[in-house]
Structures are given as structure tokens and as C-alpha cells.
N, C-alpha and C. Protein backbone atom coordinates (compact mmCIF):
# COMPACT_ATOMS: atom_id res chain seq x y z
N MET A 1 13.65 19.13 0.14
CA MET A 1 13.37 17.91 -0.60
C MET A 1 14.33 17.81 -1.79
N SER A 2 14.90 16.63 -2.00
CA SER A 2 15.84 16.44 -3.10
C SER A 2 15.11 16.49 -4.44
N GLU A 3 15.88 16.66 -5.53
CA GLU A 3 15.28 16.68 -6.86
C GLU A 3 14.60 15.36 -7.17
N THR A 4 15.21 14.25 -6.73
CA THR A 4 14.59 12.93 -6.95
C THR A 4 13.27 12.82 -6.22
N ALA A 5 13.23 13.29 -4.97
CA ALA A 5 11.99 13.24 -4.20
C ALA A 5 10.92 14.12 -4.82
N GLN A 6 11.32 15.30 -5.33
CA GLN A 6 10.37 16.18 -5.99
C GLN A 6 9.77 15.52 -7.23
N GLN A 7 10.61 14.82 -7.98
CA GLN A 7 10.13 14.11 -9.16
C GLN A 7 9.14 13.01 -8.77
N SER A 8 9.46 12.28 -7.70
CA SER A 8 8.57 11.23 -7.21
C SER A 8 7.23 11.82 -6.78
N GLN A 9 7.29 12.97 -6.11
CA GLN A 9 6.06 13.65 -5.68
C GLN A 9 5.20 14.02 -6.89
N ARG A 10 5.83 14.55 -7.92
CA ARG A 10 5.09 14.94 -9.13
C ARG A 10 4.48 13.71 -9.81
N GLU A 11 5.23 12.62 -9.86
CA GLU A 11 4.72 11.40 -10.50
C GLU A 11 3.51 10.84 -9.76
N LEU A 12 3.57 10.82 -8.44
CA LEU A 12 2.44 10.31 -7.66
C LEU A 12 1.24 11.25 -7.76
N ALA A 13 1.48 12.54 -7.79
CA ALA A 13 0.40 13.51 -7.88
C ALA A 13 -0.33 13.42 -9.22
N ALA A 14 0.40 13.04 -10.27
CA ALA A 14 -0.19 12.95 -11.61
C ALA A 14 -0.79 11.59 -11.90
N ALA A 15 -0.63 10.64 -10.98
CA ALA A 15 -0.97 9.25 -11.25
C ALA A 15 -2.38 8.89 -10.81
N ASP A 16 -3.06 8.07 -11.63
CA ASP A 16 -4.27 7.39 -11.18
C ASP A 16 -3.84 6.25 -10.25
N PRO A 17 -4.75 5.63 -9.50
CA PRO A 17 -4.33 4.61 -8.52
C PRO A 17 -3.54 3.45 -9.11
N LEU A 18 -3.94 2.96 -10.28
CA LEU A 18 -3.21 1.82 -10.84
C LEU A 18 -1.82 2.21 -11.30
N THR A 19 -1.68 3.39 -11.90
CA THR A 19 -0.35 3.88 -12.27
C THR A 19 0.50 4.06 -11.03
N ALA A 20 -0.09 4.60 -9.96
CA ALA A 20 0.63 4.78 -8.70
C ALA A 20 1.09 3.44 -8.13
N ALA A 21 0.25 2.42 -8.28
CA ALA A 21 0.62 1.09 -7.79
C ALA A 21 1.87 0.58 -8.51
N HIS A 22 1.96 0.84 -9.82
CA HIS A 22 3.16 0.45 -10.57
C HIS A 22 4.39 1.23 -10.08
N LEU A 23 4.19 2.49 -9.71
CA LEU A 23 5.31 3.30 -9.21
C LEU A 23 5.79 2.81 -7.84
N VAL A 24 4.85 2.40 -7.00
CA VAL A 24 5.18 2.03 -5.62
C VAL A 24 5.74 0.61 -5.54
N LEU A 25 5.29 -0.29 -6.43
CA LEU A 25 5.82 -1.65 -6.42
C LEU A 25 7.32 -1.62 -6.69
N GLY A 26 8.10 -2.20 -5.80
CA GLY A 26 9.56 -2.18 -5.91
C GLY A 26 10.21 -1.10 -5.07
N ALA A 27 9.41 -0.18 -4.53
CA ALA A 27 9.95 0.92 -3.73
C ALA A 27 10.56 0.42 -2.42
N ARG A 28 11.40 1.25 -1.84
CA ARG A 28 11.98 0.96 -0.53
C ARG A 28 11.32 1.87 0.51
N LEU A 29 10.86 1.26 1.59
CA LEU A 29 10.19 1.97 2.68
C LEU A 29 11.00 1.76 3.95
N SER A 30 11.36 2.85 4.62
CA SER A 30 12.26 2.78 5.77
C SER A 30 11.69 3.49 6.97
N VAL A 31 11.94 2.90 8.13
CA VAL A 31 11.69 3.53 9.43
C VAL A 31 12.89 3.20 10.31
N GLY A 32 13.65 4.20 10.71
CA GLY A 32 14.85 3.94 11.50
C GLY A 32 15.83 3.09 10.73
N THR A 33 16.26 1.98 11.34
CA THR A 33 17.25 1.10 10.71
C THR A 33 16.61 0.02 9.85
N VAL A 34 15.28 -0.01 9.79
CA VAL A 34 14.58 -1.05 9.03
C VAL A 34 14.21 -0.52 7.65
N THR A 35 14.56 -1.28 6.62
CA THR A 35 14.18 -0.95 5.24
C THR A 35 13.55 -2.18 4.60
N LEU A 36 12.40 -1.96 3.97
CA LEU A 36 11.70 -3.02 3.26
C LEU A 36 11.64 -2.69 1.77
N ARG A 37 11.61 -3.72 0.95
CA ARG A 37 11.34 -3.57 -0.48
C ARG A 37 9.92 -4.06 -0.73
N ILE A 38 9.08 -3.19 -1.29
CA ILE A 38 7.68 -3.52 -1.50
C ILE A 38 7.53 -4.45 -2.70
N VAL A 39 6.91 -5.63 -2.47
CA VAL A 39 6.78 -6.61 -3.54
C VAL A 39 5.33 -6.95 -3.87
N GLU A 40 4.38 -6.36 -3.14
CA GLU A 40 2.96 -6.62 -3.42
C GLU A 40 2.15 -5.40 -2.99
N VAL A 41 1.27 -4.94 -3.89
CA VAL A 41 0.45 -3.76 -3.61
C VAL A 41 -0.94 -3.96 -4.19
N GLU A 42 -1.87 -3.11 -3.76
CA GLU A 42 -3.20 -3.04 -4.36
C GLU A 42 -3.59 -1.58 -4.54
N ALA A 43 -4.18 -1.27 -5.67
CA ALA A 43 -4.66 0.09 -5.94
C ALA A 43 -6.09 0.25 -5.45
N TYR A 44 -6.39 1.43 -4.91
CA TYR A 44 -7.75 1.76 -4.48
C TYR A 44 -8.10 3.17 -4.95
N GLY A 45 -9.31 3.30 -5.48
CA GLY A 45 -9.77 4.57 -6.00
C GLY A 45 -10.46 5.42 -4.95
N GLY A 46 -11.54 6.10 -5.36
CA GLY A 46 -12.16 7.06 -4.45
C GLY A 46 -13.66 7.02 -4.45
N ASP A 47 -14.25 8.19 -4.19
CA ASP A 47 -15.69 8.31 -4.02
C ASP A 47 -16.41 8.39 -5.36
N GLU A 48 -17.74 8.35 -5.30
CA GLU A 48 -18.53 8.34 -6.53
C GLU A 48 -18.35 9.60 -7.36
N ALA A 49 -18.04 10.72 -6.70
CA ALA A 49 -17.89 11.98 -7.42
C ALA A 49 -16.51 12.14 -8.05
N GLY A 50 -15.58 11.28 -7.69
CA GLY A 50 -14.22 11.39 -8.19
C GLY A 50 -14.02 10.68 -9.51
N PRO A 51 -12.81 10.74 -10.07
CA PRO A 51 -12.54 10.14 -11.38
C PRO A 51 -12.42 8.62 -11.35
N TRP A 52 -12.23 8.03 -10.18
CA TRP A 52 -12.04 6.57 -10.09
C TRP A 52 -12.94 6.00 -8.99
N PRO A 53 -14.26 6.01 -9.16
CA PRO A 53 -15.15 5.48 -8.12
C PRO A 53 -14.79 4.03 -7.80
N ASP A 54 -14.69 3.73 -6.52
CA ASP A 54 -14.25 2.40 -6.10
C ASP A 54 -15.01 2.00 -4.83
N PRO A 55 -16.05 1.17 -4.95
CA PRO A 55 -16.85 0.81 -3.78
C PRO A 55 -16.08 0.00 -2.74
N ALA A 56 -14.89 -0.48 -3.08
CA ALA A 56 -14.08 -1.22 -2.11
C ALA A 56 -13.16 -0.31 -1.30
N ALA A 57 -13.08 0.97 -1.68
CA ALA A 57 -12.15 1.89 -1.03
C ALA A 57 -12.77 2.54 0.21
N HIS A 58 -11.94 2.81 1.20
CA HIS A 58 -12.39 3.52 2.40
C HIS A 58 -12.92 4.91 2.04
N SER A 59 -12.44 5.47 0.94
CA SER A 59 -12.82 6.83 0.54
C SER A 59 -14.14 6.89 -0.21
N TYR A 60 -14.75 5.76 -0.51
CA TYR A 60 -15.95 5.73 -1.36
C TYR A 60 -17.11 6.57 -0.81
N PRO A 61 -17.35 6.57 0.53
CA PRO A 61 -18.45 7.39 1.04
C PRO A 61 -18.18 8.89 1.00
N GLY A 62 -16.97 9.30 0.65
CA GLY A 62 -16.58 10.70 0.71
C GLY A 62 -15.69 10.95 1.91
N PRO A 63 -15.17 12.17 2.05
CA PRO A 63 -14.22 12.47 3.13
C PRO A 63 -14.84 12.31 4.52
N THR A 64 -14.09 11.67 5.40
CA THR A 64 -14.44 11.53 6.82
C THR A 64 -13.16 11.76 7.63
N PRO A 65 -13.28 11.94 8.94
CA PRO A 65 -12.06 12.08 9.74
C PRO A 65 -11.11 10.88 9.59
N ARG A 66 -11.68 9.68 9.39
CA ARG A 66 -10.82 8.49 9.28
C ARG A 66 -10.06 8.46 7.96
N ASN A 67 -10.74 8.79 6.85
CA ASN A 67 -10.11 8.59 5.54
C ASN A 67 -9.57 9.87 4.92
N ALA A 68 -9.53 10.96 5.67
CA ALA A 68 -9.17 12.26 5.11
C ALA A 68 -7.83 12.25 4.38
N VAL A 69 -6.87 11.49 4.87
CA VAL A 69 -5.54 11.46 4.24
C VAL A 69 -5.61 10.91 2.82
N MET A 70 -6.58 10.03 2.54
CA MET A 70 -6.71 9.46 1.19
C MET A 70 -7.02 10.53 0.15
N PHE A 71 -7.52 11.69 0.58
CA PHE A 71 -7.88 12.74 -0.35
C PHE A 71 -6.71 13.70 -0.60
N GLY A 72 -5.52 13.28 -0.27
CA GLY A 72 -4.32 14.00 -0.65
C GLY A 72 -3.83 14.98 0.40
N PRO A 73 -2.68 15.58 0.06
CA PRO A 73 -1.94 15.47 -1.21
C PRO A 73 -1.23 14.14 -1.38
N ALA A 74 -0.63 13.97 -2.55
CA ALA A 74 0.07 12.72 -2.86
C ALA A 74 1.33 12.56 -2.02
N GLY A 75 1.74 11.30 -1.86
CA GLY A 75 2.98 11.02 -1.13
C GLY A 75 2.83 11.02 0.37
N ARG A 76 1.61 10.88 0.86
CA ARG A 76 1.36 10.78 2.30
C ARG A 76 1.09 9.32 2.68
N LEU A 77 1.26 9.04 3.96
CA LEU A 77 0.99 7.70 4.48
C LEU A 77 -0.40 7.68 5.10
N TYR A 78 -1.27 6.83 4.58
CA TYR A 78 -2.59 6.61 5.17
C TYR A 78 -2.53 5.31 5.95
N VAL A 79 -2.73 5.39 7.26
CA VAL A 79 -2.68 4.23 8.15
C VAL A 79 -4.07 3.98 8.70
N TYR A 80 -4.53 2.74 8.63
CA TYR A 80 -5.79 2.39 9.28
C TYR A 80 -5.62 1.11 10.08
N LEU A 81 -6.49 0.93 11.06
CA LEU A 81 -6.44 -0.23 11.93
C LEU A 81 -7.42 -1.27 11.44
N SER A 82 -6.93 -2.46 11.14
CA SER A 82 -7.76 -3.55 10.65
C SER A 82 -8.01 -4.56 11.77
N HIS A 83 -9.28 -4.91 11.96
CA HIS A 83 -9.68 -5.87 13.00
C HIS A 83 -9.22 -5.45 14.39
N GLY A 84 -8.98 -4.16 14.55
CA GLY A 84 -8.61 -3.64 15.86
C GLY A 84 -7.18 -3.90 16.28
N ILE A 85 -6.38 -4.55 15.41
CA ILE A 85 -5.01 -4.90 15.83
C ILE A 85 -3.95 -4.63 14.77
N HIS A 86 -4.29 -4.69 13.50
CA HIS A 86 -3.27 -4.59 12.43
C HIS A 86 -3.23 -3.18 11.85
N HIS A 87 -2.05 -2.59 11.85
CA HIS A 87 -1.86 -1.29 11.22
C HIS A 87 -1.49 -1.50 9.75
N CYS A 88 -2.39 -1.08 8.85
CA CYS A 88 -2.19 -1.26 7.42
C CYS A 88 -1.79 0.06 6.78
N LEU A 89 -0.90 -0.01 5.78
CA LEU A 89 -0.26 1.19 5.22
C LEU A 89 -0.66 1.40 3.78
N ASN A 90 -0.90 2.66 3.42
CA ASN A 90 -1.22 3.06 2.06
C ASN A 90 -0.42 4.30 1.69
N VAL A 91 -0.07 4.41 0.42
CA VAL A 91 0.59 5.59 -0.12
C VAL A 91 -0.43 6.34 -0.97
N THR A 92 -0.65 7.63 -0.70
CA THR A 92 -1.65 8.40 -1.43
C THR A 92 -1.10 8.86 -2.79
N CYS A 93 -2.04 9.07 -3.72
CA CYS A 93 -1.68 9.55 -5.05
C CYS A 93 -2.71 10.57 -5.49
N ALA A 94 -2.54 11.13 -6.67
CA ALA A 94 -3.47 12.07 -7.30
C ALA A 94 -3.40 13.46 -6.66
N ASP A 95 -4.15 14.40 -7.25
CA ASP A 95 -4.18 15.78 -6.77
C ASP A 95 -4.85 15.86 -5.41
N ALA A 96 -4.50 16.89 -4.66
CA ALA A 96 -5.16 17.14 -3.39
C ALA A 96 -6.65 17.32 -3.62
N GLY A 97 -7.46 16.66 -2.81
CA GLY A 97 -8.90 16.70 -2.96
C GLY A 97 -9.46 15.54 -3.74
N VAL A 98 -8.61 14.75 -4.39
CA VAL A 98 -9.03 13.57 -5.16
C VAL A 98 -8.49 12.33 -4.45
N ALA A 99 -9.38 11.40 -4.13
CA ALA A 99 -8.98 10.22 -3.36
C ALA A 99 -8.34 9.16 -4.25
N GLY A 100 -7.26 8.59 -3.77
CA GLY A 100 -6.59 7.48 -4.42
C GLY A 100 -5.44 7.03 -3.56
N ALA A 101 -5.19 5.74 -3.48
CA ALA A 101 -4.12 5.24 -2.62
C ALA A 101 -3.69 3.85 -3.06
N VAL A 102 -2.51 3.46 -2.58
CA VAL A 102 -1.94 2.16 -2.87
C VAL A 102 -1.69 1.44 -1.56
N LEU A 103 -2.40 0.34 -1.34
CA LEU A 103 -2.20 -0.48 -0.15
C LEU A 103 -0.93 -1.31 -0.29
N LEU A 104 -0.10 -1.30 0.75
CA LEU A 104 1.13 -2.10 0.75
C LEU A 104 0.82 -3.46 1.35
N ARG A 105 0.91 -4.51 0.54
CA ARG A 105 0.47 -5.84 0.97
C ARG A 105 1.62 -6.76 1.38
N GLY A 106 2.80 -6.58 0.83
CA GLY A 106 3.89 -7.49 1.15
C GLY A 106 5.23 -6.88 0.83
N ALA A 107 6.26 -7.29 1.60
CA ALA A 107 7.59 -6.71 1.40
C ALA A 107 8.67 -7.68 1.85
N GLU A 108 9.86 -7.49 1.30
CA GLU A 108 11.06 -8.21 1.71
C GLU A 108 11.89 -7.31 2.61
N VAL A 109 12.49 -7.88 3.65
CA VAL A 109 13.33 -7.11 4.55
C VAL A 109 14.72 -6.97 3.95
N ILE A 110 15.15 -5.72 3.72
CA ILE A 110 16.47 -5.46 3.16
C ILE A 110 17.48 -5.16 4.26
N ASP A 111 17.10 -4.32 5.21
CA ASP A 111 17.97 -3.95 6.34
C ASP A 111 17.17 -4.00 7.64
N GLY A 112 17.89 -4.26 8.73
CA GLY A 112 17.27 -4.24 10.05
C GLY A 112 16.51 -5.50 10.38
N VAL A 113 16.94 -6.64 9.84
CA VAL A 113 16.19 -7.88 10.07
C VAL A 113 16.13 -8.23 11.55
N ASP A 114 17.17 -7.89 12.33
CA ASP A 114 17.16 -8.19 13.76
C ASP A 114 16.05 -7.42 14.47
N VAL A 115 15.82 -6.18 14.06
CA VAL A 115 14.74 -5.39 14.66
C VAL A 115 13.39 -5.96 14.26
N VAL A 116 13.26 -6.35 13.00
CA VAL A 116 12.00 -6.92 12.53
C VAL A 116 11.70 -8.22 13.26
N VAL A 117 12.69 -9.07 13.44
CA VAL A 117 12.50 -10.33 14.16
C VAL A 117 12.06 -10.08 15.60
N SER A 118 12.61 -9.06 16.23
CA SER A 118 12.22 -8.74 17.60
C SER A 118 10.75 -8.32 17.68
N ARG A 119 10.24 -7.74 16.61
CA ARG A 119 8.84 -7.33 16.57
C ARG A 119 7.91 -8.46 16.15
N ARG A 120 8.37 -9.29 15.23
CA ARG A 120 7.50 -10.30 14.63
C ARG A 120 7.65 -11.68 15.26
N GLY A 121 8.80 -11.93 15.96
CA GLY A 121 9.00 -13.22 16.59
C GLY A 121 10.06 -14.04 15.89
N ALA A 122 10.89 -14.70 16.68
CA ALA A 122 12.02 -15.46 16.13
C ALA A 122 11.58 -16.71 15.38
N ASP A 123 10.34 -17.13 15.56
CA ASP A 123 9.86 -18.34 14.90
C ASP A 123 9.34 -18.08 13.49
N ARG A 124 9.35 -16.83 13.05
CA ARG A 124 8.85 -16.50 11.72
C ARG A 124 9.88 -16.85 10.65
N ARG A 125 9.41 -17.43 9.55
CA ARG A 125 10.28 -17.65 8.41
C ARG A 125 10.61 -16.30 7.76
N PRO A 126 11.79 -16.15 7.16
CA PRO A 126 12.15 -14.86 6.55
C PRO A 126 11.08 -14.32 5.61
N ARG A 127 10.47 -15.17 4.83
CA ARG A 127 9.49 -14.69 3.85
C ARG A 127 8.23 -14.15 4.52
N ASP A 128 7.98 -14.56 5.77
CA ASP A 128 6.76 -14.16 6.47
C ASP A 128 6.93 -12.91 7.34
N LEU A 129 8.13 -12.34 7.40
CA LEU A 129 8.37 -11.22 8.30
C LEU A 129 7.54 -10.00 7.94
N ALA A 130 7.33 -9.75 6.64
CA ALA A 130 6.52 -8.60 6.21
C ALA A 130 5.57 -9.02 5.11
N ARG A 131 5.06 -10.21 5.19
CA ARG A 131 4.16 -10.79 4.19
C ARG A 131 2.72 -10.63 4.67
N GLY A 132 1.96 -9.78 4.00
CA GLY A 132 0.62 -9.43 4.43
C GLY A 132 0.60 -8.03 5.00
N PRO A 133 -0.49 -7.27 4.79
CA PRO A 133 -0.52 -5.84 5.17
C PRO A 133 -0.26 -5.58 6.65
N GLY A 134 -0.88 -6.37 7.54
CA GLY A 134 -0.68 -6.16 8.97
C GLY A 134 0.73 -6.50 9.41
N ASN A 135 1.28 -7.57 8.86
CA ASN A 135 2.65 -7.96 9.21
C ASN A 135 3.66 -6.92 8.73
N LEU A 136 3.39 -6.32 7.58
CA LEU A 136 4.26 -5.27 7.05
C LEU A 136 4.29 -4.07 8.00
N GLY A 137 3.12 -3.67 8.46
CA GLY A 137 3.05 -2.56 9.40
C GLY A 137 3.77 -2.86 10.71
N GLN A 138 3.60 -4.09 11.20
CA GLN A 138 4.28 -4.49 12.44
C GLN A 138 5.78 -4.54 12.26
N ALA A 139 6.24 -5.00 11.10
CA ALA A 139 7.68 -5.09 10.84
C ALA A 139 8.34 -3.72 10.94
N LEU A 140 7.62 -2.67 10.53
CA LEU A 140 8.17 -1.32 10.56
C LEU A 140 7.89 -0.59 11.86
N GLY A 141 7.04 -1.17 12.72
CA GLY A 141 6.69 -0.49 13.96
C GLY A 141 5.76 0.68 13.74
N ILE A 142 4.89 0.60 12.74
CA ILE A 142 3.97 1.68 12.41
C ILE A 142 2.82 1.72 13.42
N THR A 143 2.37 2.94 13.75
CA THR A 143 1.19 3.14 14.60
C THR A 143 0.29 4.17 13.93
N LEU A 144 -0.88 4.40 14.52
CA LEU A 144 -1.79 5.42 13.99
C LEU A 144 -1.19 6.81 14.07
N ALA A 145 -0.20 6.99 14.93
CA ALA A 145 0.46 8.30 15.02
C ALA A 145 1.21 8.64 13.73
N ASP A 146 1.51 7.63 12.90
CA ASP A 146 2.21 7.87 11.63
C ASP A 146 1.27 8.26 10.51
N ASN A 147 -0.04 8.21 10.75
CA ASN A 147 -1.01 8.57 9.72
C ASN A 147 -0.78 10.01 9.26
N GLY A 148 -0.73 10.20 7.94
CA GLY A 148 -0.51 11.52 7.38
C GLY A 148 0.95 11.89 7.18
N SER A 149 1.87 11.01 7.52
CA SER A 149 3.30 11.31 7.37
C SER A 149 3.65 11.62 5.92
N GLU A 150 4.53 12.61 5.73
CA GLU A 150 5.04 12.94 4.40
C GLU A 150 6.18 11.98 4.08
N LEU A 151 5.98 11.11 3.12
CA LEU A 151 6.91 10.02 2.87
C LEU A 151 8.15 10.42 2.08
N LEU A 152 8.08 11.49 1.31
CA LEU A 152 9.14 11.82 0.38
C LEU A 152 9.98 13.02 0.79
N THR A 153 9.54 13.78 1.75
CA THR A 153 10.21 15.04 2.08
C THR A 153 11.40 14.87 3.01
N GLY A 154 11.46 13.74 3.73
CA GLY A 154 12.51 13.56 4.73
C GLY A 154 12.18 14.20 6.05
N ARG A 155 10.94 14.72 6.19
CA ARG A 155 10.56 15.38 7.43
C ARG A 155 9.84 14.46 8.41
N SER A 156 9.60 13.22 8.02
CA SER A 156 8.96 12.27 8.94
C SER A 156 9.85 11.05 9.14
N ARG A 157 9.51 10.25 10.11
CA ARG A 157 10.34 9.08 10.41
C ARG A 157 10.13 7.96 9.38
N VAL A 158 9.06 8.03 8.61
CA VAL A 158 8.78 7.03 7.58
C VAL A 158 9.20 7.60 6.23
N ARG A 159 10.05 6.87 5.51
CA ARG A 159 10.64 7.40 4.28
C ARG A 159 10.42 6.42 3.12
N LEU A 160 10.02 6.96 1.98
CA LEU A 160 9.75 6.16 0.79
C LEU A 160 10.67 6.59 -0.33
N GLU A 161 11.27 5.62 -1.01
CA GLU A 161 12.10 5.87 -2.19
C GLU A 161 11.59 5.02 -3.33
N LEU A 162 11.03 5.66 -4.35
CA LEU A 162 10.46 4.93 -5.47
C LEU A 162 11.55 4.27 -6.31
N ASP A 163 11.26 3.04 -6.73
CA ASP A 163 12.17 2.28 -7.59
C ASP A 163 11.34 1.19 -8.26
N PRO A 164 10.54 1.56 -9.27
CA PRO A 164 9.57 0.64 -9.84
C PRO A 164 10.18 -0.70 -10.26
N ALA A 165 9.45 -1.77 -9.96
CA ALA A 165 9.92 -3.12 -10.27
C ALA A 165 9.96 -3.34 -11.78
N PRO A 166 11.00 -4.00 -12.31
CA PRO A 166 11.09 -4.23 -13.75
C PRO A 166 10.11 -5.28 -14.26
N ARG A 167 9.68 -6.19 -13.39
CA ARG A 167 8.72 -7.24 -13.78
C ARG A 167 7.53 -7.18 -12.84
N VAL A 168 6.33 -7.23 -13.42
CA VAL A 168 5.10 -7.05 -12.64
C VAL A 168 4.07 -8.08 -13.09
N ALA A 169 3.37 -8.68 -12.13
CA ALA A 169 2.21 -9.52 -12.40
C ALA A 169 0.99 -8.83 -11.82
N ALA A 170 -0.20 -9.14 -12.37
CA ALA A 170 -1.41 -8.47 -11.93
C ALA A 170 -2.55 -9.47 -11.80
N GLY A 171 -3.48 -9.16 -10.88
CA GLY A 171 -4.65 -10.00 -10.69
C GLY A 171 -5.66 -9.31 -9.79
N PRO A 172 -6.76 -9.98 -9.44
CA PRO A 172 -7.80 -9.38 -8.61
C PRO A 172 -7.30 -9.07 -7.21
N ARG A 173 -7.94 -8.08 -6.58
CA ARG A 173 -7.59 -7.72 -5.21
C ARG A 173 -8.06 -8.80 -4.23
N VAL A 174 -7.47 -8.79 -3.06
CA VAL A 174 -7.66 -9.86 -2.08
C VAL A 174 -8.75 -9.51 -1.07
N GLY A 175 -9.65 -10.48 -0.81
CA GLY A 175 -10.52 -10.43 0.34
C GLY A 175 -11.55 -9.33 0.39
N ILE A 176 -11.92 -8.74 -0.77
CA ILE A 176 -12.92 -7.68 -0.76
C ILE A 176 -14.20 -8.19 -1.42
N ALA A 177 -15.33 -7.65 -0.97
CA ALA A 177 -16.62 -8.14 -1.47
C ALA A 177 -17.13 -7.33 -2.65
N ARG A 178 -16.65 -6.10 -2.79
CA ARG A 178 -17.14 -5.22 -3.86
C ARG A 178 -16.00 -4.89 -4.82
N ALA A 179 -16.33 -4.80 -6.11
CA ALA A 179 -15.32 -4.56 -7.16
C ALA A 179 -14.18 -5.56 -7.05
N ALA A 180 -14.54 -6.80 -6.76
CA ALA A 180 -13.54 -7.84 -6.51
C ALA A 180 -12.78 -8.29 -7.75
N GLU A 181 -13.34 -8.03 -8.94
CA GLU A 181 -12.71 -8.52 -10.16
C GLU A 181 -11.67 -7.58 -10.75
N ARG A 182 -11.58 -6.37 -10.22
CA ARG A 182 -10.61 -5.44 -10.80
C ARG A 182 -9.19 -5.99 -10.64
N PRO A 183 -8.40 -6.03 -11.71
CA PRO A 183 -7.02 -6.55 -11.61
C PRO A 183 -6.08 -5.48 -11.07
N TRP A 184 -6.38 -5.00 -9.87
CA TRP A 184 -5.64 -3.90 -9.27
C TRP A 184 -4.67 -4.36 -8.19
N ARG A 185 -4.43 -5.64 -8.12
CA ARG A 185 -3.37 -6.16 -7.24
C ARG A 185 -2.15 -6.46 -8.11
N LEU A 186 -1.01 -5.89 -7.73
CA LEU A 186 0.24 -6.10 -8.46
C LEU A 186 1.26 -6.73 -7.55
N TRP A 187 2.12 -7.56 -8.11
CA TRP A 187 3.18 -8.17 -7.31
C TRP A 187 4.41 -8.46 -8.16
N VAL A 188 5.51 -8.67 -7.47
CA VAL A 188 6.77 -9.02 -8.13
C VAL A 188 6.82 -10.53 -8.30
N PRO A 189 6.81 -11.02 -9.52
CA PRO A 189 6.83 -12.47 -9.74
C PRO A 189 8.07 -13.11 -9.11
N GLY A 190 7.86 -14.25 -8.46
CA GLY A 190 8.96 -15.00 -7.89
C GLY A 190 9.35 -14.63 -6.48
N SER A 191 8.80 -13.54 -5.93
CA SER A 191 9.13 -13.17 -4.56
C SER A 191 8.37 -14.03 -3.56
N ASP A 192 9.10 -14.58 -2.58
CA ASP A 192 8.47 -15.39 -1.54
C ASP A 192 7.61 -14.57 -0.59
N ALA A 193 7.79 -13.25 -0.60
CA ALA A 193 7.06 -12.40 0.34
C ALA A 193 5.70 -11.97 -0.19
N VAL A 194 5.31 -12.46 -1.37
CA VAL A 194 3.99 -12.17 -1.91
C VAL A 194 2.97 -13.09 -1.25
N SER A 195 1.87 -12.55 -0.77
CA SER A 195 0.87 -13.35 -0.07
C SER A 195 0.04 -14.16 -1.05
N ALA A 196 -0.64 -15.17 -0.52
CA ALA A 196 -1.50 -16.01 -1.34
C ALA A 196 -2.79 -15.27 -1.66
N TYR A 197 -3.34 -15.52 -2.86
CA TYR A 197 -4.60 -14.90 -3.23
C TYR A 197 -5.75 -15.60 -2.53
N ARG A 198 -6.60 -14.81 -1.89
CA ARG A 198 -7.79 -15.34 -1.24
C ARG A 198 -8.99 -14.49 -1.64
N ARG A 199 -9.89 -15.09 -2.37
CA ARG A 199 -11.11 -14.39 -2.78
C ARG A 199 -12.08 -14.36 -1.61
N SER A 200 -12.73 -13.23 -1.40
CA SER A 200 -13.71 -13.12 -0.34
C SER A 200 -14.92 -13.99 -0.66
N PRO A 201 -15.40 -14.77 0.33
CA PRO A 201 -16.62 -15.55 0.09
C PRO A 201 -17.85 -14.65 -0.09
N ARG A 202 -17.74 -13.37 0.26
CA ARG A 202 -18.84 -12.43 0.09
C ARG A 202 -18.87 -11.79 -1.29
N ALA A 203 -17.82 -12.02 -2.08
CA ALA A 203 -17.77 -11.43 -3.42
C ALA A 203 -18.69 -12.19 -4.36
N PRO A 204 -19.55 -11.48 -5.10
CA PRO A 204 -20.46 -12.18 -6.02
C PRO A 204 -19.69 -12.84 -7.13
N LEU A 205 -20.20 -13.98 -7.58
CA LEU A 205 -19.58 -14.68 -8.69
C LEU A 205 -19.89 -13.95 -9.98
N VAL A 206 -18.91 -13.86 -10.85
CA VAL A 206 -19.09 -13.21 -12.14
C VAL A 206 -19.42 -14.28 -13.17
N PRO A 207 -20.53 -14.11 -13.89
CA PRO A 207 -20.90 -15.13 -14.90
C PRO A 207 -19.84 -15.30 -15.96
N ASP A 208 -19.64 -16.52 -16.39
CA ASP A 208 -18.70 -16.83 -17.47
C ASP A 208 -19.37 -16.50 -18.79
N THR A 209 -18.91 -15.42 -19.44
CA THR A 209 -19.50 -15.02 -20.71
C THR A 209 -18.71 -15.52 -21.90
N GLY A 210 -17.67 -16.32 -21.62
CA GLY A 210 -16.85 -16.82 -22.72
C GLY A 210 -17.44 -18.05 -23.33
């Protein structure tokens, strides 16, 4: 592992989920000839016994065979299947045994656009090629076999290079019913590949105390 990769590993291992989200936003994620720049992320915490209890996180009930990767070590790829068809990607953070991860929600295609188009369809607008968690996974050709991949060591086909974005916007997470008000969604202002905000109709309304 290079010195830069070792530093990235240390930063992610020392980071809480929101700090990790700031580190991952702007990063480059590559598989083969395809490279994406991450422009939208969401932070997710862990179980009730951990330092960042998060009822919206897959890790909230505690370790299971499905969510085990979320409990570390840092710098791993946690892949889950959404609605039975979409492979969604997360980057783990924090110490081994402590759950925390960053969901990758949107990205711009930097290299390999022809490969991405072959996967996503020629009728897609450039901004839509990796816009949204499932589309991002499809653009890279990710499968459940990539779950647990070491992103920083160079030993897996999925490679992550941190390059934090200089400008960041923040707001509530998308489409979740619990802990919906946490401003744990970050994005790069002005990027066309950032998805639209959609509040879950199942999320309780927060009283206006102002």
C-alpha cells in the first residue's frame, strides 16, 4: 500500500460517519477502465451500543451476515441489493468493530464513458449515467461479489482515491423514514450528477419550533 493510501486508511479509521462523508465526497472510484468522481454522499452511523446510533442504518440492529462489512475495518466496500435489482455502494469508516459508512449517491464519469454507456444505455443523458445509488453501481459494474473489497490497498478490482471536494453543501438524507432530519447528505454544489432531494412520505413531520 502506498504512503498516500495508508494515510487515507488512517483518516477513514479515525473518522466519524459525517467526517468520513466529507473525506469521500470528491473522491475518485475506479473499476477497470471506468473512473467516477463522487459528487453526492450520505453518512450512516451504527447500532444503539455504538458511538453514533442511527435508526436509518443497516447496522442499527447490530452485526448480521448482511451488514457485517459495516462494522469495519475502514476503507472497505459495503454492497447491498436494493429492491432486488440495484447494487448500492458504501465506504466503511471508524475502527474495526464500530459501524459507520458512507453511501455513494451520485457521481460524474471521468474515464470509460463508452463502457458506462454500454451498461446504462445510449439514451441516457451524461448527467444521468451515475446519478443515484443504483445507477452508480451499474455504471461501475458492481455486484455482490465485490462486497468487502479493500478499496485503498490496490488488492481488489475496485479502487478508491480520496480527494475531498473544496466546496460542499449539506441537507437531510433522501427517502428514509427514521432520523430523516439529520443533515448527513453532502453534495458538490453545481454538479449535474447530484440527484434531486425526495423526502420519504413515511418520515414524520418535525414541528416548527421557530
